Structure formats: C-alpha cells, structure tokens
Amino acid sequence: MPVPILAATLAFVASLAGAAWLGRLGRGRLAFAAMVGAPLIAASVYAGSSAAHRSEAAVESTGASPHAGAGPQVMASDVDGWRRRAEELRSARRFPEARALYEKVAEAAPSDPDSWADLADASAAAAGGDLTAGRDAINRALALDPNHLKALWLDASLELQQKNYAKAAELWQRLLTLLPADSSDARIVRANLEETRALASPQGARR
C-alpha cells in the first residue's frame, strides 16, 4: 500500500518547523540535517495508516452534509477527490491552494480528526512553516481524538516552535507512549524528546 498522505504532510511540516527553530537557535548543522532527512521521515511516519480508514471516516461524517456547488449532498467520493487533489497541490508546493481544499474537506467532514490535522498541516505549510497558523485546526483534531498521532505531533512541534520546551517535552513523551517502541516513528520522537529536553536545560537555552 502506498505511503498515505499523513506521512508526507507530517514530515514536510515537521522538517520545516524543526529546521526553522534550530536555525534561529544557531544550530545550523541540525537545521540542515532536518531538511535533508525529510524524505526518510516521510517514508516512515504513519506508514501503517490506510486509505480505507480515511474513506470510512469520510462516509460517517459526510452522510448529509450540504456543500455549495456540490449538489444537495457531499459524497465520500467528493471528499476523497479533494484530499487527493490537495496532496497533489501540496507536492507541487502550491500550499495556499492545498490549504483551501483541506478547508473544504474539514467543512464536509467536521467530525473526522484527520480532516482537521490535514488542515493544520496545510495551513502551516502555506504560512511558510509557521505552525501557529494551524493552531485552531490542531485543537479541533485533538478535541475529537486526544490521541490522534498526527495532531499530537503537530502540537508538540508547535510548542517547540514557541519555545515552550516543557510542554513540548510532555507532548513528545505522550506521543511516544502511543507508538510501538521499536518503530521508526518512536525513534524519531525519542530524538525529538531528547533535543527538547536539552533545549529546556539552562545550557541548551543559551545555545
């Protein structure tokens, strides 16, 4: 099964956000590593997610949702098409257009936390990697599913971007408990947790 949308989008925003704050801290080598390692992260993060799961969520949440220009009822196939097109636009680095389509997905599937996590991700990409642009959508995703992996990852990255190191470490730790201990995702999160704790220390804060 192809790597799902979640993997590519999460890796992109995580690398942008991580590289940005590392660069601001003067940690150029780590910032460069975050950029170069993005394709490997994209290949591993959430590889176990399935398109079938997302289709089922869309069916449950779009059964009677009206949408302008889409006829009297938005169908699951419409939502799936918007998702695919949004990912194509994101891959083409047409981030504002991708964000607009993810807004349609979230409007049509408001009870699907994936929709809000994708919107948060796309909003940050359209804002040049600034995760504050996706804060509201992150909160909506977590309100629907407090253990949503992508939303938690984005939330931790946002707190890290805001230099709220204690909160970021708490979120990385929580995310770590939800992942298989021997997975590549867990290894990435452990590295993020260690880096966050280092930044939280007095010596790390001065770097």
N, C-alpha and C. Protein backbone atom coordinates (compact mmCIF):
# COMPACT_ATOMS: atom_id res chain seq x y z
N MET A 1 0.86 -1.20 0.00
CA MET A 1 0.00 0.00 0.00
C MET A 1 0.89 1.24 0.00
N PRO A 2 0.56 2.25 -0.85
CA PRO A 2 1.40 3.46 -0.88
C PRO A 2 1.43 4.16 0.46
N VAL A 3 2.51 4.88 0.71
CA VAL A 3 2.60 5.67 1.94
C VAL A 3 1.49 6.70 1.91
N PRO A 4 0.65 6.80 2.95
CA PRO A 4 -0.51 7.68 2.93
C PRO A 4 -0.14 9.15 3.02
N ILE A 5 -1.15 9.94 2.81
CA ILE A 5 -0.97 11.40 2.82
C ILE A 5 -0.36 11.87 4.13
N LEU A 6 -0.75 11.24 5.21
CA LEU A 6 -0.28 11.68 6.53
C LEU A 6 1.24 11.69 6.60
N ALA A 7 1.90 10.69 6.03
CA ALA A 7 3.35 10.59 6.14
C ALA A 7 4.04 11.78 5.50
N ALA A 8 3.66 12.08 4.25
CA ALA A 8 4.33 13.15 3.53
C ALA A 8 4.05 14.51 4.15
N THR A 9 2.79 14.77 4.49
CA THR A 9 2.47 16.08 5.03
C THR A 9 3.10 16.32 6.38
N LEU A 10 3.06 15.32 7.24
CA LEU A 10 3.65 15.47 8.57
C LEU A 10 5.14 15.68 8.49
N ALA A 11 5.82 14.89 7.64
CA ALA A 11 7.26 15.02 7.51
C ALA A 11 7.63 16.41 7.00
N PHE A 12 6.84 16.92 6.06
CA PHE A 12 7.14 18.23 5.49
C PHE A 12 7.09 19.32 6.54
N VAL A 13 5.96 19.39 7.27
CA VAL A 13 5.82 20.45 8.27
C VAL A 13 6.80 20.27 9.41
N ALA A 14 7.01 19.02 9.85
CA ALA A 14 7.94 18.79 10.95
C ALA A 14 9.34 19.25 10.57
N SER A 15 9.76 18.96 9.30
CA SER A 15 11.10 19.37 8.88
C SER A 15 11.20 20.88 8.75
N LEU A 16 10.15 21.52 8.21
CA LEU A 16 10.17 22.98 8.09
C LEU A 16 10.24 23.65 9.46
N ALA A 17 9.35 23.21 10.35
CA ALA A 17 9.31 23.81 11.67
C ALA A 17 10.60 23.55 12.43
N GLY A 18 11.06 22.29 12.38
CA GLY A 18 12.28 21.95 13.09
C GLY A 18 13.48 22.72 12.59
N ALA A 19 13.61 22.78 11.25
CA ALA A 19 14.75 23.50 10.68
C ALA A 19 14.69 24.98 11.03
N ALA A 20 13.47 25.54 11.04
CA ALA A 20 13.32 26.97 11.32
C ALA A 20 13.78 27.31 12.72
N TRP A 21 13.27 26.58 13.73
CA TRP A 21 13.65 26.97 15.10
C TRP A 21 15.09 26.60 15.42
N LEU A 22 15.60 25.52 14.79
CA LEU A 22 17.01 25.19 15.00
C LEU A 22 17.91 26.27 14.39
N GLY A 23 17.47 26.76 13.21
CA GLY A 23 18.24 27.84 12.59
C GLY A 23 18.25 29.09 13.44
N ARG A 24 17.06 29.41 14.03
CA ARG A 24 17.01 30.60 14.88
C ARG A 24 17.87 30.46 16.12
N LEU A 25 18.07 29.21 16.56
CA LEU A 25 18.91 28.98 17.73
C LEU A 25 20.40 28.90 17.36
N GLY A 26 20.69 29.05 16.08
CA GLY A 26 22.09 28.99 15.65
C GLY A 26 22.62 27.58 15.50
N ARG A 27 21.74 26.61 15.42
CA ARG A 27 22.17 25.21 15.30
C ARG A 27 22.05 24.80 13.84
N GLY A 28 22.91 25.38 13.03
CA GLY A 28 22.85 25.20 11.59
C GLY A 28 23.00 23.76 11.14
N ARG A 29 23.87 23.00 11.80
CA ARG A 29 24.08 21.62 11.38
C ARG A 29 22.82 20.79 11.58
N LEU A 30 22.17 20.97 12.71
CA LEU A 30 20.93 20.22 12.96
C LEU A 30 19.81 20.69 12.03
N ALA A 31 19.79 21.99 11.76
CA ALA A 31 18.77 22.51 10.84
C ALA A 31 18.93 21.89 9.46
N PHE A 32 20.18 21.80 9.00
CA PHE A 32 20.45 21.19 7.70
C PHE A 32 20.06 19.71 7.70
N ALA A 33 20.36 19.03 8.80
CA ALA A 33 20.01 17.60 8.90
C ALA A 33 18.50 17.41 8.85
N ALA A 34 17.76 18.32 9.47
CA ALA A 34 16.29 18.21 9.45
C ALA A 34 15.76 18.34 8.04
N MET A 35 16.37 19.21 7.24
CA MET A 35 15.91 19.40 5.87
C MET A 35 16.27 18.17 5.02
N VAL A 36 17.52 17.69 5.14
CA VAL A 36 17.97 16.57 4.33
C VAL A 36 17.24 15.29 4.69
N GLY A 37 16.92 15.12 5.98
CA GLY A 37 16.29 13.87 6.42
C GLY A 37 14.81 13.80 6.17
N ALA A 38 14.21 14.85 5.63
CA ALA A 38 12.75 14.87 5.44
C ALA A 38 12.24 13.71 4.59
N PRO A 39 12.90 13.35 3.46
CA PRO A 39 12.36 12.23 2.68
C PRO A 39 12.33 10.92 3.45
N LEU A 40 13.36 10.67 4.28
CA LEU A 40 13.37 9.43 5.06
C LEU A 40 12.26 9.43 6.09
N ILE A 41 12.04 10.59 6.72
CA ILE A 41 10.96 10.68 7.71
C ILE A 41 9.61 10.48 7.03
N ALA A 42 9.46 11.08 5.84
CA ALA A 42 8.20 10.95 5.11
C ALA A 42 7.89 9.50 4.78
N ALA A 43 8.93 8.72 4.55
CA ALA A 43 8.72 7.32 4.18
C ALA A 43 8.31 6.46 5.36
N SER A 44 8.54 6.96 6.58
CA SER A 44 8.31 6.11 7.74
C SER A 44 7.11 6.51 8.59
N VAL A 45 6.85 7.83 8.68
CA VAL A 45 5.82 8.30 9.62
C VAL A 45 4.43 7.88 9.18
N TYR A 46 3.77 7.23 10.05
CA TYR A 46 2.40 6.79 9.82
C TYR A 46 2.21 5.91 8.59
N ALA A 47 3.24 5.10 8.28
CA ALA A 47 3.14 4.23 7.11
C ALA A 47 2.03 3.21 7.27
N GLY A 48 1.64 2.96 8.52
CA GLY A 48 0.60 1.97 8.73
C GLY A 48 -0.81 2.49 8.53
N SER A 49 -0.97 3.81 8.31
CA SER A 49 -2.31 4.34 8.08
C SER A 49 -2.83 3.85 6.73
N SER A 50 -4.11 3.72 6.60
CA SER A 50 -4.68 3.20 5.36
C SER A 50 -5.69 4.14 4.76
N ALA A 51 -5.78 4.14 3.44
CA ALA A 51 -6.77 4.95 2.76
C ALA A 51 -8.18 4.48 3.10
N ALA A 52 -8.31 3.20 3.37
CA ALA A 52 -9.64 2.66 3.71
C ALA A 52 -10.17 3.29 4.98
N HIS A 53 -9.31 3.47 5.97
CA HIS A 53 -9.73 4.08 7.23
C HIS A 53 -10.28 5.48 7.00
N ARG A 54 -9.57 6.23 6.17
CA ARG A 54 -9.97 7.59 5.92
C ARG A 54 -11.27 7.65 5.14
N SER A 55 -11.46 6.72 4.22
CA SER A 55 -12.70 6.70 3.45
C SER A 55 -13.88 6.40 4.35
N GLU A 56 -13.70 5.46 5.28
CA GLU A 56 -14.77 5.12 6.21
C GLU A 56 -15.13 6.32 7.07
N ALA A 57 -14.11 7.05 7.53
CA ALA A 57 -14.37 8.24 8.36
C ALA A 57 -15.13 9.28 7.56
N ALA A 58 -14.77 9.43 6.29
CA ALA A 58 -15.46 10.41 5.46
C ALA A 58 -16.92 10.03 5.25
N VAL A 59 -17.17 8.73 5.04
CA VAL A 59 -18.55 8.28 4.85
C VAL A 59 -19.39 8.58 6.07
N GLU A 60 -18.84 8.33 7.26
CA GLU A 60 -19.57 8.55 8.50
C GLU A 60 -19.89 10.03 8.72
N SER A 61 -18.98 10.89 8.31
CA SER A 61 -19.13 12.30 8.64
C SER A 61 -19.77 13.13 7.55
N THR A 62 -19.96 12.57 6.35
CA THR A 62 -20.48 13.36 5.24
C THR A 62 -21.84 12.88 4.77
N GLY A 63 -22.47 12.03 5.51
CA GLY A 63 -23.71 11.43 5.05
C GLY A 63 -24.76 12.43 4.64
N ALA A 64 -24.89 13.56 5.30
CA ALA A 64 -25.94 14.53 4.95
C ALA A 64 -25.43 15.95 5.01
N SER A 65 -24.13 16.15 4.68
CA SER A 65 -23.56 17.49 4.77
C SER A 65 -23.75 18.24 3.47
N PRO A 66 -24.51 19.32 3.49
CA PRO A 66 -24.66 20.11 2.27
C PRO A 66 -23.39 20.91 2.00
N HIS A 67 -23.11 21.17 0.72
CA HIS A 67 -21.94 21.98 0.38
C HIS A 67 -22.25 22.72 -0.91
N ALA A 68 -22.00 24.02 -0.90
CA ALA A 68 -22.31 24.84 -2.07
C ALA A 68 -21.58 24.33 -3.28
N GLY A 69 -22.28 24.23 -4.39
CA GLY A 69 -21.66 23.82 -5.64
C GLY A 69 -21.47 22.34 -5.77
N ALA A 70 -21.81 21.55 -4.76
CA ALA A 70 -21.57 20.11 -4.83
C ALA A 70 -22.88 19.34 -4.86
N GLY A 71 -24.00 20.02 -5.18
CA GLY A 71 -25.27 19.34 -5.20
C GLY A 71 -25.85 19.31 -3.80
N PRO A 72 -26.96 18.60 -3.62
CA PRO A 72 -27.62 18.59 -2.32
C PRO A 72 -26.86 17.84 -1.25
N GLN A 73 -25.88 17.04 -1.65
CA GLN A 73 -25.19 16.21 -0.66
C GLN A 73 -23.76 15.97 -1.10
N VAL A 74 -22.82 16.16 -0.18
CA VAL A 74 -21.42 15.86 -0.46
C VAL A 74 -21.20 14.38 -0.26
N MET A 75 -20.64 13.73 -1.25
CA MET A 75 -20.41 12.30 -1.20
C MET A 75 -18.99 12.02 -0.72
N ALA A 76 -18.81 10.81 -0.19
CA ALA A 76 -17.47 10.41 0.25
C ALA A 76 -16.48 10.48 -0.90
N SER A 77 -16.93 10.18 -2.10
CA SER A 77 -16.03 10.24 -3.25
C SER A 77 -15.56 11.66 -3.52
N ASP A 78 -16.45 12.65 -3.26
CA ASP A 78 -16.05 14.05 -3.40
C ASP A 78 -14.92 14.38 -2.44
N VAL A 79 -15.10 13.98 -1.18
CA VAL A 79 -14.10 14.27 -0.16
C VAL A 79 -12.78 13.60 -0.49
N ASP A 80 -12.84 12.34 -0.92
CA ASP A 80 -11.62 11.63 -1.30
C ASP A 80 -10.91 12.34 -2.46
N GLY A 81 -11.71 12.82 -3.42
CA GLY A 81 -11.11 13.55 -4.54
C GLY A 81 -10.44 14.83 -4.10
N TRP A 82 -11.08 15.55 -3.18
CA TRP A 82 -10.47 16.78 -2.66
C TRP A 82 -9.16 16.47 -1.94
N ARG A 83 -9.18 15.40 -1.17
CA ARG A 83 -7.95 15.01 -0.45
C ARG A 83 -6.82 14.73 -1.44
N ARG A 84 -7.12 13.94 -2.47
CA ARG A 84 -6.08 13.59 -3.45
C ARG A 84 -5.56 14.83 -4.16
N ARG A 85 -6.47 15.70 -4.56
CA ARG A 85 -6.05 16.93 -5.25
C ARG A 85 -5.25 17.83 -4.32
N ALA A 86 -5.66 17.92 -3.07
CA ALA A 86 -4.91 18.74 -2.10
C ALA A 86 -3.49 18.22 -1.94
N GLU A 87 -3.33 16.91 -1.90
CA GLU A 87 -1.99 16.34 -1.77
C GLU A 87 -1.16 16.63 -3.01
N GLU A 88 -1.77 16.57 -4.18
CA GLU A 88 -1.05 16.91 -5.41
C GLU A 88 -0.58 18.36 -5.38
N LEU A 89 -1.45 19.25 -4.92
CA LEU A 89 -1.09 20.66 -4.83
C LEU A 89 0.02 20.87 -3.81
N ARG A 90 -0.06 20.15 -2.68
CA ARG A 90 0.98 20.27 -1.66
C ARG A 90 2.32 19.80 -2.21
N SER A 91 2.30 18.68 -2.96
CA SER A 91 3.53 18.15 -3.55
C SER A 91 4.12 19.13 -4.56
N ALA A 92 3.24 19.88 -5.22
CA ALA A 92 3.68 20.89 -6.18
C ALA A 92 4.04 22.21 -5.50
N ARG A 93 4.01 22.23 -4.16
CA ARG A 93 4.33 23.40 -3.36
C ARG A 93 3.37 24.56 -3.62
N ARG A 94 2.15 24.23 -3.98
CA ARG A 94 1.09 25.23 -4.14
C ARG A 94 0.26 25.22 -2.86
N PHE A 95 0.90 25.68 -1.80
CA PHE A 95 0.37 25.49 -0.46
C PHE A 95 -0.95 26.23 -0.18
N PRO A 96 -1.11 27.49 -0.60
CA PRO A 96 -2.40 28.13 -0.34
C PRO A 96 -3.57 27.41 -0.99
N GLU A 97 -3.36 26.89 -2.21
CA GLU A 97 -4.43 26.15 -2.88
C GLU A 97 -4.72 24.84 -2.16
N ALA A 98 -3.66 24.19 -1.70
CA ALA A 98 -3.85 22.95 -0.93
C ALA A 98 -4.63 23.22 0.34
N ARG A 99 -4.29 24.31 1.02
CA ARG A 99 -4.99 24.67 2.25
C ARG A 99 -6.48 24.90 1.98
N ALA A 100 -6.78 25.58 0.88
CA ALA A 100 -8.18 25.85 0.56
C ALA A 100 -8.97 24.56 0.36
N LEU A 101 -8.35 23.57 -0.27
CA LEU A 101 -9.05 22.29 -0.47
C LEU A 101 -9.20 21.55 0.85
N TYR A 102 -8.18 21.59 1.70
CA TYR A 102 -8.30 20.94 3.00
C TYR A 102 -9.38 21.62 3.86
N GLU A 103 -9.59 22.92 3.65
CA GLU A 103 -10.69 23.59 4.34
C GLU A 103 -12.03 23.01 3.91
N LYS A 104 -12.16 22.71 2.61
CA LYS A 104 -13.39 22.08 2.11
C LYS A 104 -13.57 20.70 2.72
N VAL A 105 -12.46 19.96 2.83
CA VAL A 105 -12.54 18.62 3.43
C VAL A 105 -13.00 18.71 4.87
N ALA A 106 -12.43 19.64 5.62
CA ALA A 106 -12.80 19.78 7.03
C ALA A 106 -14.25 20.24 7.18
N GLU A 107 -14.69 21.09 6.28
CA GLU A 107 -16.08 21.55 6.32
C GLU A 107 -17.03 20.39 6.04
N ALA A 108 -16.66 19.53 5.09
CA ALA A 108 -17.52 18.41 4.71
C ALA A 108 -17.44 17.27 5.71
N ALA A 109 -16.30 17.13 6.39
CA ALA A 109 -16.11 16.04 7.35
C ALA A 109 -15.68 16.59 8.70
N PRO A 110 -16.53 17.37 9.35
CA PRO A 110 -16.12 18.06 10.59
C PRO A 110 -15.89 17.14 11.77
N SER A 111 -16.40 15.92 11.73
CA SER A 111 -16.19 15.01 12.85
C SER A 111 -15.03 14.04 12.60
N ASP A 112 -14.29 14.26 11.54
CA ASP A 112 -13.12 13.43 11.21
C ASP A 112 -11.85 14.15 11.65
N PRO A 113 -11.16 13.69 12.69
CA PRO A 113 -9.97 14.40 13.16
C PRO A 113 -8.87 14.47 12.11
N ASP A 114 -8.82 13.49 11.20
CA ASP A 114 -7.83 13.55 10.13
C ASP A 114 -7.99 14.81 9.29
N SER A 115 -9.24 15.20 9.05
CA SER A 115 -9.50 16.39 8.24
C SER A 115 -8.89 17.63 8.87
N TRP A 116 -9.05 17.77 10.19
CA TRP A 116 -8.52 18.94 10.88
C TRP A 116 -7.00 18.89 10.98
N ALA A 117 -6.45 17.70 11.19
CA ALA A 117 -4.99 17.58 11.24
C ALA A 117 -4.37 17.94 9.90
N ASP A 118 -5.01 17.49 8.80
CA ASP A 118 -4.52 17.84 7.47
C ASP A 118 -4.61 19.34 7.23
N LEU A 119 -5.71 19.94 7.68
CA LEU A 119 -5.87 21.39 7.52
C LEU A 119 -4.81 22.14 8.31
N ALA A 120 -4.53 21.69 9.52
CA ALA A 120 -3.48 22.33 10.34
C ALA A 120 -2.14 22.27 9.63
N ASP A 121 -1.84 21.11 9.09
CA ASP A 121 -0.60 20.87 8.38
C ASP A 121 -0.49 21.79 7.17
N ALA A 122 -1.56 21.82 6.36
CA ALA A 122 -1.56 22.63 5.15
C ALA A 122 -1.49 24.13 5.47
N SER A 123 -2.16 24.53 6.54
CA SER A 123 -2.13 25.94 6.94
C SER A 123 -0.72 26.36 7.33
N ALA A 124 -0.01 25.49 8.04
CA ALA A 124 1.37 25.80 8.41
C ALA A 124 2.26 25.89 7.19
N ALA A 125 2.08 24.97 6.25
CA ALA A 125 2.89 25.00 5.02
C ALA A 125 2.64 26.28 4.24
N ALA A 126 1.36 26.70 4.16
CA ALA A 126 1.03 27.93 3.44
C ALA A 126 1.59 29.16 4.14
N ALA A 127 1.85 29.04 5.44
CA ALA A 127 2.41 30.16 6.21
C ALA A 127 3.93 30.05 6.32
N GLY A 128 4.54 29.27 5.46
CA GLY A 128 6.00 29.16 5.46
C GLY A 128 6.56 28.34 6.59
N GLY A 129 5.76 27.39 7.12
CA GLY A 129 6.23 26.54 8.20
C GLY A 129 5.85 27.03 9.58
N ASP A 130 5.08 28.11 9.65
CA ASP A 130 4.65 28.66 10.94
C ASP A 130 3.45 27.86 11.44
N LEU A 131 3.66 27.03 12.43
CA LEU A 131 2.61 26.15 12.93
C LEU A 131 1.51 26.89 13.68
N THR A 132 1.75 28.14 14.05
CA THR A 132 0.68 28.89 14.72
C THR A 132 -0.51 29.09 13.78
N ALA A 133 -0.26 29.06 12.48
CA ALA A 133 -1.35 29.20 11.51
C ALA A 133 -2.32 28.04 11.57
N GLY A 134 -1.86 26.90 12.09
CA GLY A 134 -2.72 25.74 12.18
C GLY A 134 -3.20 25.42 13.59
N ARG A 135 -2.98 26.35 14.52
CA ARG A 135 -3.29 26.08 15.92
C ARG A 135 -4.74 25.67 16.13
N ASP A 136 -5.68 26.43 15.56
CA ASP A 136 -7.10 26.13 15.78
C ASP A 136 -7.47 24.75 15.24
N ALA A 137 -6.94 24.42 14.07
CA ALA A 137 -7.25 23.12 13.48
C ALA A 137 -6.62 21.98 14.30
N ILE A 138 -5.44 22.21 14.85
CA ILE A 138 -4.82 21.21 15.73
C ILE A 138 -5.72 20.96 16.93
N ASN A 139 -6.21 22.05 17.51
CA ASN A 139 -7.09 21.91 18.68
C ASN A 139 -8.38 21.18 18.34
N ARG A 140 -8.92 21.44 17.14
CA ARG A 140 -10.14 20.75 16.73
C ARG A 140 -9.89 19.24 16.59
N ALA A 141 -8.77 18.89 15.99
CA ALA A 141 -8.43 17.47 15.82
C ALA A 141 -8.28 16.78 17.17
N LEU A 142 -7.60 17.43 18.10
CA LEU A 142 -7.37 16.82 19.41
C LEU A 142 -8.65 16.79 20.25
N ALA A 143 -9.55 17.73 20.01
CA ALA A 143 -10.83 17.69 20.71
C ALA A 143 -11.64 16.46 20.29
N LEU A 144 -11.50 16.08 19.02
CA LEU A 144 -12.20 14.91 18.50
C LEU A 144 -11.50 13.62 18.91
N ASP A 145 -10.18 13.65 18.93
CA ASP A 145 -9.39 12.46 19.28
C ASP A 145 -8.14 12.92 20.02
N PRO A 146 -8.14 12.88 21.36
CA PRO A 146 -6.99 13.35 22.14
C PRO A 146 -5.71 12.57 21.86
N ASN A 147 -5.84 11.38 21.29
CA ASN A 147 -4.65 10.57 20.99
C ASN A 147 -4.35 10.51 19.50
N HIS A 148 -4.84 11.47 18.75
CA HIS A 148 -4.58 11.49 17.32
C HIS A 148 -3.09 11.74 17.09
N LEU A 149 -2.44 10.80 16.43
CA LEU A 149 -0.98 10.84 16.34
C LEU A 149 -0.46 12.06 15.59
N LYS A 150 -1.04 12.32 14.44
CA LYS A 150 -0.55 13.47 13.67
C LYS A 150 -0.80 14.78 14.40
N ALA A 151 -1.99 14.93 14.97
CA ALA A 151 -2.30 16.17 15.69
C ALA A 151 -1.38 16.36 16.89
N LEU A 152 -1.09 15.28 17.60
CA LEU A 152 -0.16 15.38 18.73
C LEU A 152 1.24 15.78 18.25
N TRP A 153 1.67 15.21 17.14
CA TRP A 153 2.99 15.53 16.59
C TRP A 153 3.04 17.02 16.22
N LEU A 154 2.00 17.49 15.55
CA LEU A 154 1.95 18.90 15.18
C LEU A 154 1.90 19.80 16.42
N ASP A 155 1.15 19.38 17.43
CA ASP A 155 1.03 20.17 18.65
C ASP A 155 2.38 20.26 19.36
N ALA A 156 3.10 19.15 19.43
CA ALA A 156 4.43 19.15 20.04
C ALA A 156 5.37 20.06 19.26
N SER A 157 5.30 19.98 17.93
CA SER A 157 6.15 20.83 17.09
C SER A 157 5.81 22.30 17.28
N LEU A 158 4.51 22.59 17.44
CA LEU A 158 4.10 23.97 17.68
C LEU A 158 4.65 24.49 19.00
N GLU A 159 4.53 23.70 20.06
CA GLU A 159 5.06 24.13 21.35
C GLU A 159 6.57 24.32 21.28
N LEU A 160 7.23 23.47 20.53
CA LEU A 160 8.68 23.59 20.35
C LEU A 160 9.00 24.88 19.60
N GLN A 161 8.24 25.16 18.56
CA GLN A 161 8.43 26.39 17.80
C GLN A 161 8.25 27.62 18.69
N GLN A 162 7.30 27.53 19.64
CA GLN A 162 7.03 28.63 20.54
C GLN A 162 8.00 28.67 21.73
N LYS A 163 8.94 27.74 21.75
CA LYS A 163 9.94 27.62 22.82
C LYS A 163 9.32 27.27 24.17
N ASN A 164 8.16 26.62 24.11
CA ASN A 164 7.53 26.10 25.32
C ASN A 164 8.06 24.68 25.53
N TYR A 165 9.31 24.59 25.95
CA TYR A 165 10.01 23.31 25.93
C TYR A 165 9.39 22.29 26.88
N ALA A 166 8.96 22.71 28.03
CA ALA A 166 8.38 21.76 28.99
C ALA A 166 7.11 21.14 28.41
N LYS A 167 6.26 21.96 27.81
CA LYS A 167 5.03 21.46 27.22
C LYS A 167 5.34 20.57 26.02
N ALA A 168 6.29 20.99 25.20
CA ALA A 168 6.67 20.18 24.05
C ALA A 168 7.18 18.82 24.48
N ALA A 169 8.02 18.80 25.52
CA ALA A 169 8.55 17.52 26.02
C ALA A 169 7.42 16.63 26.52
N GLU A 170 6.45 17.24 27.19
CA GLU A 170 5.30 16.47 27.69
C GLU A 170 4.54 15.82 26.53
N LEU A 171 4.37 16.57 25.45
CA LEU A 171 3.64 16.04 24.30
C LEU A 171 4.44 14.97 23.57
N TRP A 172 5.76 15.18 23.42
CA TRP A 172 6.59 14.13 22.80
C TRP A 172 6.52 12.85 23.63
N GLN A 173 6.57 13.00 24.94
CA GLN A 173 6.52 11.83 25.82
C GLN A 173 5.18 11.11 25.67
N ARG A 174 4.12 11.87 25.61
CA ARG A 174 2.79 11.27 25.44
C ARG A 174 2.70 10.54 24.11
N LEU A 175 3.19 11.17 23.06
CA LEU A 175 3.17 10.55 21.74
C LEU A 175 3.98 9.26 21.73
N LEU A 176 5.09 9.28 22.44
CA LEU A 176 5.95 8.10 22.49
C LEU A 176 5.22 6.90 23.08
N THR A 177 4.36 7.14 24.07
CA THR A 177 3.63 6.04 24.69
C THR A 177 2.59 5.43 23.75
N LEU A 178 2.23 6.14 22.69
CA LEU A 178 1.21 5.66 21.76
C LEU A 178 1.80 4.92 20.56
N LEU A 179 3.12 4.94 20.45
CA LEU A 179 3.78 4.32 19.30
C LEU A 179 4.45 3.00 19.68
N PRO A 180 4.54 2.05 18.76
CA PRO A 180 5.31 0.83 19.04
C PRO A 180 6.74 1.19 19.39
N ALA A 181 7.23 0.61 20.46
CA ALA A 181 8.54 1.02 20.99
C ALA A 181 9.67 0.84 20.00
N ASP A 182 9.56 -0.16 19.11
CA ASP A 182 10.66 -0.45 18.19
C ASP A 182 10.43 0.14 16.80
N SER A 183 9.45 1.03 16.67
CA SER A 183 9.14 1.59 15.36
C SER A 183 10.06 2.75 15.02
N SER A 184 10.18 3.04 13.72
CA SER A 184 10.98 4.18 13.29
C SER A 184 10.37 5.49 13.79
N ASP A 185 9.03 5.53 13.87
CA ASP A 185 8.37 6.72 14.41
C ASP A 185 8.81 6.99 15.84
N ALA A 186 8.86 5.92 16.65
CA ALA A 186 9.26 6.07 18.05
C ALA A 186 10.69 6.57 18.16
N ARG A 187 11.56 6.11 17.27
CA ARG A 187 12.95 6.56 17.31
C ARG A 187 13.03 8.06 17.01
N ILE A 188 12.25 8.52 16.05
CA ILE A 188 12.24 9.94 15.72
C ILE A 188 11.73 10.76 16.91
N VAL A 189 10.64 10.28 17.53
CA VAL A 189 10.07 11.01 18.66
C VAL A 189 11.03 11.03 19.84
N ARG A 190 11.72 9.92 20.09
CA ARG A 190 12.71 9.90 21.17
C ARG A 190 13.81 10.93 20.92
N ALA A 191 14.26 11.03 19.67
CA ALA A 191 15.28 12.02 19.34
C ALA A 191 14.75 13.43 19.55
N ASN A 192 13.49 13.66 19.15
CA ASN A 192 12.89 14.98 19.37
C ASN A 192 12.76 15.28 20.86
N LEU A 193 12.40 14.27 21.63
CA LEU A 193 12.26 14.45 23.08
C LEU A 193 13.60 14.80 23.71
N GLU A 194 14.65 14.10 23.32
CA GLU A 194 15.97 14.38 23.87
C GLU A 194 16.43 15.79 23.50
N GLU A 195 16.18 16.18 22.25
CA GLU A 195 16.58 17.52 21.82
C GLU A 195 15.80 18.59 22.58
N THR A 196 14.51 18.34 22.81
CA THR A 196 13.69 19.31 23.52
C THR A 196 14.15 19.46 24.96
N ARG A 197 14.46 18.34 25.60
CA ARG A 197 14.96 18.39 26.97
C ARG A 197 16.29 19.12 27.05
N ALA A 198 17.13 18.94 26.03
CA ALA A 198 18.41 19.65 26.01
C ALA A 198 18.18 21.15 25.89
N LEU A 199 17.22 21.53 25.05
CA LEU A 199 16.92 22.95 24.89
C LEU A 199 16.31 23.54 26.16
N ALA A 200 15.60 22.72 26.91
CA ALA A 200 14.97 23.19 28.14
C ALA A 200 15.98 23.43 29.25
N SER A 201 17.14 22.82 29.15
CA SER A 201 18.16 23.00 30.18
C SER A 201 18.78 24.38 30.07
N PRO A 202 19.34 24.91 31.15
CA PRO A 202 19.94 26.25 31.09
C PRO A 202 21.02 26.35 30.04
N GLN A 203 21.84 25.30 29.90
CA GLN A 203 22.90 25.34 28.91
C GLN A 203 22.31 25.34 27.50
N GLY A 204 21.30 24.47 27.29
CA GLY A 204 20.68 24.39 25.98
C GLY A 204 19.98 25.68 25.61
N ALA A 205 19.36 26.34 26.57
CA ALA A 205 18.62 27.60 26.28
C ALA A 205 19.56 28.69 25.84
N ARG A 206 20.86 28.61 26.21
CA ARG A 206 21.80 29.66 25.83
C ARG A 206 22.40 29.44 24.46
N ARG A 207 22.17 28.22 23.86
CA ARG A 207 22.79 27.92 22.59
C ARG A 207 22.10 28.66 21.46
